[in-house]
C-alpha atoms as a PDB file:
ATOM      1  CA  MET A   1      46.696  33.494  -6.623  1.00  0.00           C
ATOM      2  CA  LEU A   2      44.314  34.873  -9.263  1.00  0.00           C
ATOM      3  CA  ARG A   3      46.783  37.741  -9.863  1.00  0.00           C
ATOM      4  CA  ARG A   4      49.631  35.299 -10.685  1.00  0.00           C
ATOM      5  CA  ILE A   5      47.452  33.329 -13.043  1.00  0.00           C
ATOM      6  CA  ALA A   6      46.374  36.551 -14.718  1.00  0.00           C
ATOM      7  CA  ILE A   7      49.942  37.789 -15.311  1.00  0.00           C
ATOM      8  CA  VAL A   8      51.178  34.460 -16.634  1.00  0.00           C
ATOM      9  CA  SER A   9      48.143  33.857 -18.905  1.00  0.00           C
ATOM     10  CA  THR A  10      47.935  37.353 -20.360  1.00  0.00           C
ATOM     11  CA  ALA A  11      51.539  38.462 -20.677  1.00  0.00           C
ATOM     12  CA  LEU A  12      51.834  37.127 -24.167  1.00  0.00           C
ATOM     13  CA  LEU A  13      48.387  38.311 -25.236  1.00  0.00           C
ATOM     14  CA  LEU A  14      49.087  41.807 -24.075  1.00  0.00           C
ATOM     15  CA  THR A  15      52.062  42.220 -26.377  1.00  0.00           C
ATOM     16  CA  ALA A  16      49.596  42.511 -29.246  1.00  0.00           C
ATOM     17  CA  CYS A  17      47.780  45.346 -27.490  1.00  0.00           C
ATOM     18  CA  THR A  18      50.954  47.275 -26.725  1.00  0.00           C
ATOM     19  CA  ASN A  19      51.377  48.082 -30.434  1.00  0.00           C
ATOM     20  CA  ILE A  20      48.508  50.638 -30.204  1.00  0.00           C
ATOM     21  CA  GLU A  21      49.504  54.062 -28.914  1.00  0.00           C
ATOM     22  CA  HIS A  22      46.223  54.715 -27.050  1.00  0.00           C
ATOM     23  CA  LYS A  23      47.468  57.940 -25.398  1.00  0.00           C
ATOM     24  CA  SER A  24      48.013  59.883 -28.629  1.00  0.00           C
ATOM     25  CA  PRO A  25      45.481  62.638 -29.406  1.00  0.00           C
ATOM     26  CA  GLU A  26      44.389  60.877 -32.640  1.00  0.00           C
ATOM     27  CA  VAL A  27      43.722  57.553 -30.913  1.00  0.00           C
ATOM     28  CA  ARG A  28      41.968  59.278 -28.057  1.00  0.00           C
ATOM     29  CA  GLU A  29      39.618  60.910 -30.583  1.00  0.00           C
ATOM     30  CA  GLN A  30      39.001  57.464 -32.097  1.00  0.00           C
ATOM     31  CA  ILE A  31      38.243  56.036 -28.642  1.00  0.00           C
ATOM     32  CA  LYS A  32      35.707  58.822 -28.063  1.00  0.00           C
ATOM     33  CA  ARG A  33      34.045  58.087 -31.426  1.00  0.00           C
ATOM     34  CA  ASP A  34      34.074  54.306 -31.052  1.00  0.00           C
ATOM     35  CA  LEU A  35      32.713  54.342 -27.492  1.00  0.00           C
ATOM     36  CA  LYS A  36      30.494  57.406 -27.984  1.00  0.00           C
ATOM     37  CA  ILE A  37      31.931  59.288 -25.003  1.00  0.00           C
ATOM     38  CA  ASP A  38      32.678  63.000 -24.603  1.00  0.00           C
ATOM     39  CA  GLN A  39      35.629  63.057 -22.214  1.00  0.00           C
ATOM     40  CA  ILE A  40      38.593  60.803 -21.386  1.00  0.00           C
ATOM     41  CA  VAL A  41      40.465  61.281 -18.111  1.00  0.00           C
ATOM     42  CA  ASP A  42      43.072  58.584 -18.821  1.00  0.00           C
ATOM     43  CA  THR A  43      43.642  55.181 -20.419  1.00  0.00           C
ATOM     44  CA  ALA A  44      45.777  52.120 -19.592  1.00  0.00           C
ATOM     45  CA  LEU A  45      46.602  48.715 -20.861  1.00  0.00           C
ATOM     46  CA  THR A  46      44.539  46.493 -18.541  1.00  0.00           C
ATOM     47  CA  SER A  47      43.685  42.837 -17.902  1.00  0.00           C
ATOM     48  CA  PHE A  48      40.191  42.220 -16.620  1.00  0.00           C
ATOM     49  CA  CYS A  49      37.839  39.353 -15.867  1.00  0.00           C
ATOM     50  CA  TRP A  50      34.419  38.819 -14.382  1.00  0.00           C
ATOM     51  CA  LEU A  51      33.516  36.549 -11.460  1.00  0.00           C
ATOM     52  CA  ALA A  52      29.993  35.672 -10.454  1.00  0.00           C
ATOM     53  CA  ILE A  53      29.412  36.414  -6.768  1.00  0.00           C
ATOM     54  CA  ASP A  54      28.788  33.053  -4.998  1.00  0.00           C
ATOM     55  CA  GLY A  55      30.318  31.318  -8.025  1.00  0.00           C
ATOM     56  CA  VAL A  56      33.564  29.436  -8.415  1.00  0.00           C
ATOM     57  CA  ALA A  57      36.715  31.598  -8.002  1.00  0.00           C
ATOM     58  CA  ARG A  58      37.973  31.081 -11.564  1.00  0.00           C
ATOM     59  CA  CYS A  59      38.040  33.457 -14.454  1.00  0.00           C
ATOM     60  CA  LYS A  60      39.912  34.011 -17.705  1.00  0.00           C
ATOM     61  CA  TYR A  61      41.551  37.395 -17.957  1.00  0.00           C
ATOM     62  CA  THR A  62      40.974  39.462 -21.088  1.00  0.00           C
ATOM     63  CA  PRO A  63      43.814  41.673 -22.213  1.00  0.00           C
ATOM     64  CA  GLY A  64      42.599  45.087 -23.419  1.00  0.00           C
ATOM     65  CA  TYR A  65      42.337  48.731 -22.473  1.00  0.00           C
ATOM     66  CA  SER A  66      40.479  50.551 -19.760  1.00  0.00           C
ATOM     67  CA  VAL A  67      39.240  54.049 -20.434  1.00  0.00           C
ATOM     68  CA  LEU A  68      38.619  56.289 -17.427  1.00  0.00           C
ATOM     69  CA  THR A  69      35.941  59.012 -17.787  1.00  0.00           C
ATOM     70  CA  PRO A  70      34.733  61.356 -15.069  1.00  0.00           C
ATOM     71  CA  ASP A  71      32.009  58.942 -13.936  1.00  0.00           C
ATOM     72  CA  SER A  72      32.756  55.549 -15.556  1.00  0.00           C
ATOM     73  CA  LEU A  73      35.416  52.989 -16.367  1.00  0.00           C
ATOM     74  CA  TYR A  74      35.111  51.421 -19.833  1.00  0.00           C
ATOM     75  CA  LEU A  75      36.711  48.012 -20.388  1.00  0.00           C
ATOM     76  CA  THR A  76      37.540  47.666 -24.058  1.00  0.00           C
ATOM     77  CA  ASP A  77      39.257  45.516 -26.606  1.00  0.00           C
ATOM     78  CA  TYR A  78      40.742  46.592 -29.952  1.00  0.00           C
ATOM     79  CA  GLU A  79      39.098  44.594 -32.705  1.00  0.00           C
ATOM     80  CA  LYS A  80      39.338  45.060 -36.485  1.00  0.00           C
ATOM     81  CA  GLY A  81      40.554  48.656 -36.119  1.00  0.00           C
ATOM     82  CA  ALA A  82      38.000  49.802 -33.539  1.00  0.00           C
ATOM     83  CA  PHE A  83      37.758  50.019 -29.742  1.00  0.00           C
ATOM     84  CA  VAL A  84      34.909  47.724 -28.652  1.00  0.00           C
ATOM     85  CA  GLN A  85      33.244  48.109 -25.256  1.00  0.00           C
ATOM     86  CA  LYS A  86      33.279  44.874 -23.220  1.00  0.00           C
ATOM     87  CA  ASP A  87      31.868  46.377 -20.010  1.00  0.00           C
ATOM     88  CA  VAL A  88      31.299  49.722 -18.324  1.00  0.00           C
ATOM     89  CA  ILE A  89      31.542  50.246 -14.595  1.00  0.00           C
ATOM     90  CA  LYS A  90      29.665  53.312 -13.369  1.00  0.00           C
ATOM     91  CA  THR A  91      30.226  54.869  -9.953  1.00  0.00           C
ATOM     92  CA  GLU A  92      26.663  54.200  -8.865  1.00  0.00           C
ATOM     93  CA  ASP A  93      26.993  50.441  -9.631  1.00  0.00           C
ATOM     94  CA  VAL A  94      30.008  49.959  -7.306  1.00  0.00           C
ATOM     95  CA  LYS A  95      29.221  48.412  -3.907  1.00  0.00           C
ATOM     96  CA  CYS A  96      32.881  48.304  -2.678  1.00  0.00           C
ATOM     97  CA  ILE A  97      36.407  47.653  -3.874  1.00  0.00           C
ATOM     98  CA  SER A  98      38.562  44.841  -2.439  1.00  0.00           C
ATOM     99  CA  ASP A  99      42.368  45.374  -2.654  1.00  0.00           C
ATOM    100  CA  ALA A 100      44.298  42.629  -0.858  1.00  0.00           C
ATOM    101  CA  ASP A 101      47.682  42.965  -2.505  1.00  0.00           C
ATOM    102  CA  GLY A 102      48.074  46.491  -3.984  1.00  0.00           C
ATOM    103  CA  GLN A 103      48.307  44.980  -7.484  1.00  0.00           C
ATOM    104  CA  ASN A 104      45.016  43.836  -8.871  1.00  0.00           C
ATOM    105  CA  PHE A 105      41.757  44.930  -7.301  1.00  0.00           C
ATOM    106  CA  TYR A 106      38.169  43.704  -7.383  1.00  0.00           C
ATOM    107  CA  VAL A 107      35.225  45.967  -8.043  1.00  0.00           C
ATOM    108  CA  PHE A 108      32.020  44.523  -6.562  1.00  0.00           C
ATOM    109  CA  LYS A 109      28.680  45.176  -8.203  1.00  0.00           C
ATOM    110  CA  ASP A 110      25.367  43.530  -7.324  1.00  0.00           C
ATOM    111  CA  LYS A 111      26.015  40.123  -8.835  1.00  0.00           C
ATOM    112  CA  LEU A 112      29.492  40.387 -10.299  1.00  0.00           C
ATOM    113  CA  ALA A 113      33.039  41.097  -9.230  1.00  0.00           C
ATOM    114  CA  VAL A 114      35.371  42.558 -11.877  1.00  0.00           C
ATOM    115  CA  SER A 115      39.091  41.927 -11.366  1.00  0.00           C
ATOM    116  CA  LEU A 116      41.274  44.696 -12.795  1.00  0.00           C
ATOM    117  CA  ILE A 117      45.062  44.868 -13.330  1.00  0.00           C
ATOM    118  CA  PRO A 118      46.212  48.108 -14.984  1.00  0.00           C
ATOM    119  CA  TYR A 119      49.772  48.039 -16.434  1.00  0.00           C
ATOM    120  CA  THR A 120      52.443  50.596 -17.103  1.00  0.00           C
ATOM    121  CA  GLU A 121      53.816  50.681 -20.623  1.00  0.00           C
ATOM    122  CA  VAL A 122      57.535  51.355 -20.753  1.00  0.00           C
ATOM    123  CA  HIS A 123      59.107  50.662 -24.158  1.00  0.00           C
ATOM    124  CA  ARG A 124      60.937  47.276 -24.066  1.00  0.00           C
ATOM    125  CA  ALA A 125      60.296  46.818 -20.347  1.00  0.00           C
ATOM    126  CA  PRO A 126      58.203  44.090 -18.771  1.00  0.00           C
ATOM    127  CA  LEU A 127      54.607  44.965 -17.884  1.00  0.00           C
ATOM    128  CA  GLU A 128      54.281  46.225 -14.310  1.00  0.00           C
ATOM    129  CA  ASN A 129      51.503  47.449 -12.078  1.00  0.00           C
ATOM    130  CA  ASN A 130      50.380  51.064 -12.819  1.00  0.00           C
ATOM    131  CA  PRO A 131      49.839  52.649  -9.363  1.00  0.00           C
ATOM    132  CA  GLU A 132      49.041  56.160 -10.657  1.00  0.00           C
ATOM    133  CA  TYR A 133      46.299  55.013 -13.001  1.00  0.00           C
ATOM    134  CA  ARG A 134      45.042  52.531 -10.436  1.00  0.00           C
ATOM    135  CA  ALA A 135      44.686  55.314  -7.840  1.00  0.00           C
ATOM    136  CA  LYS A 136      42.693  57.464 -10.271  1.00  0.00           C
ATOM    137  CA  VAL A 137      40.299  54.615 -11.090  1.00  0.00           C
ATOM    138  CA  ILE A 138      39.736  53.679  -7.419  1.00  0.00           C
ATOM    139  CA  LYS A 139      39.124  57.299  -6.453  1.00  0.00           C
ATOM    140  CA  MET A 140      36.569  57.794  -9.154  1.00  0.00           C
ATOM    141  CA  LEU A 141      34.756  54.467  -8.633  1.00  0.00           C
ATOM    142  CA  LEU A 142      34.493  55.169  -4.859  1.00  0.00           C
ATOM    143  CA  SER A 143      33.384  58.799  -5.289  1.00  0.00           C
ATOM    144  CA  ASN A 144      29.961  58.045  -3.748  1.00  0.00           C
ATOM    145  CA  GLY A 145      31.583  56.985  -0.448  1.00  0.00           C
ATOM    146  CA  GLN A 146      31.638  53.216  -1.017  1.00  0.00           C
ATOM    147  CA  PRO A 147      34.110  51.267   1.147  1.00  0.00           C
ATOM    148  CA  TYR A 148      37.702  50.534   0.073  1.00  0.00           C
ATOM    149  CA  LEU A 149      38.631  47.220   1.739  1.00  0.00           C
ATOM    150  CA  THR A 150      42.226  46.196   2.397  1.00  0.00           C
ATOM    151  CA  GLY A 151      44.026  43.575   4.445  1.00  0.00           C
ATOM    152  CA  LYS A 152      41.845  40.982   6.172  1.00  0.00           C
ATOM    153  CA  ASP A 153      38.666  42.888   5.182  1.00  0.00           C
ATOM    154  CA  ALA A 154      39.554  42.443   1.486  1.00  0.00           C
ATOM    155  CA  THR A 155      39.153  38.669   1.602  1.00  0.00           C
ATOM    156  CA  ILE A 156      36.864  37.561  -1.208  1.00  0.00           C
ATOM    157  CA  THR A 157      37.204  33.787  -1.348  1.00  0.00           C
ATOM    158  CA  ARG A 158      36.165  30.888   0.895  1.00  0.00           C
ATOM    159  CA  GLY A 159      36.239  27.134   0.713  1.00  0.00           C
ATOM    160  CA  THR A 160      33.071  25.270  -0.076  1.00  0.00           C
ATOM    161  CA  GLY A 161      33.994  21.918   1.409  1.00  0.00           C
ATOM    162  CA  ARG A 162      33.564  20.376  -2.063  1.00  0.00           C
ATOM    163  CA  LYS A 163      36.216  19.009  -4.353  1.00  0.00           C
ATOM    164  CA  GLU A 164      36.540  18.862  -8.137  1.00  0.00           C
ATOM    165  CA  TYR A 165      38.297  15.918  -9.603  1.00  0.00           C
ATOM    166  CA  GLY A 166      40.283  15.688 -12.778  1.00  0.00           C
ATOM    167  CA  VAL A 167      42.548  13.238 -14.480  1.00  0.00           C
ATOM    168  CA  HIS A 168      46.212  14.226 -14.920  1.00  0.00           C
ATOM    169  CA  ASN A 169      49.046  12.276 -16.466  1.00  0.00           C
ATOM    170  CA  VAL A 170      52.232  11.492 -14.604  1.00  0.00           C
ATOM    171  CA  TYR A 171      54.961  10.565 -16.964  1.00  0.00           C
ATOM    172  CA  ALA A 172      57.005   7.374 -16.222  1.00  0.00           C
ATOM    173  CA  PRO A 173      59.579   5.539 -18.315  1.00  0.00           C
ATOM    174  CA  SER A 174      56.764   3.153 -19.450  1.00  0.00           C
ATOM    175  CA  GLY A 175      54.630   6.157 -20.627  1.00  0.00           C
ATOM    176  CA  PRO A 176      51.928   8.323 -19.148  1.00  0.00           C
ATOM    177  CA  VAL A 177      50.097   7.076 -16.094  1.00  0.00           C
ATOM    178  CA  PRO A 178      46.687   8.718 -15.484  1.00  0.00           C
ATOM    179  CA  ILE A 179      45.918   9.686 -11.882  1.00  0.00           C
ATOM    180  CA  VAL A 180      42.857  11.307 -10.371  1.00  0.00           C
ATOM    181  CA  VAL A 181      43.538  14.553  -8.524  1.00  0.00           C
ATOM    182  CA  GLY A 182      41.057  16.374  -6.300  1.00  0.00           C
ATOM    183  CA  SER A 183      41.239  20.101  -5.615  1.00  0.00           C
ATOM    184  CA  GLU A 184      39.080  22.161  -3.256  1.00  0.00           C
ATOM    185  CA  VAL A 185      36.385  24.327  -4.881  1.00  0.00           C
ATOM    186  CA  ILE A 186      36.916  27.947  -3.897  1.00  0.00           C
ATOM    187  CA  GLN A 187      33.948  30.363  -4.048  1.00  0.00           C
ATOM    188  CA  ILE A 188      33.833  34.174  -4.502  1.00  0.00           C
ATOM    189  CA  PHE A 189      31.792  36.142  -2.007  1.00  0.00           C
ATOM    190  CA  SER A 190      31.151  39.875  -1.634  1.00  0.00           C
ATOM    191  CA  PRO A 191      32.999  41.440   1.277  1.00  0.00           C
ATOM    192  CA  CYS A 192      30.945  44.612   0.926  1.00  0.00           C
ATOM    193  CA  PRO A 193      29.078  45.658   4.139  1.00  0.00           C
END
């Protein structure tokens, strides 16, 4: 569900990012300077968001770039002509990775989960999952032997038994009619052993 929301909410925002050729040698040198790193393994257009463990399962995806180095994954944005670091995920900070659908995956740290969706960039084609880049990132982040959880073990949400209520309008011929709608509060938990 979070994946669908991410794709819908960021598809338009990502079109602005696709104008930057981040794989060219010149831009890679700029990335190194801007982020103060020595080596780049690969880069990809990526949506990412942060979720507090034991918090509500809701986050707003940020469209940007991920930069893979030999021991870290940098999550960046391109602002005012420079690549700006939004987060860095180091191998030693990763507790496990949850991958329920083969599309987006969740990197669990001590108190946060980071949802990542790397995209392919084919000229004039819709954005799609980038399995090659994704595999490189997962392999590097789990290089200390942390677990890679799939299927039932990759479950990261649970109900809380609480509801949130909001007012929504239903439109009738006489005009909008406000109704109160309740939805279950879903919580993120760490599946890491």
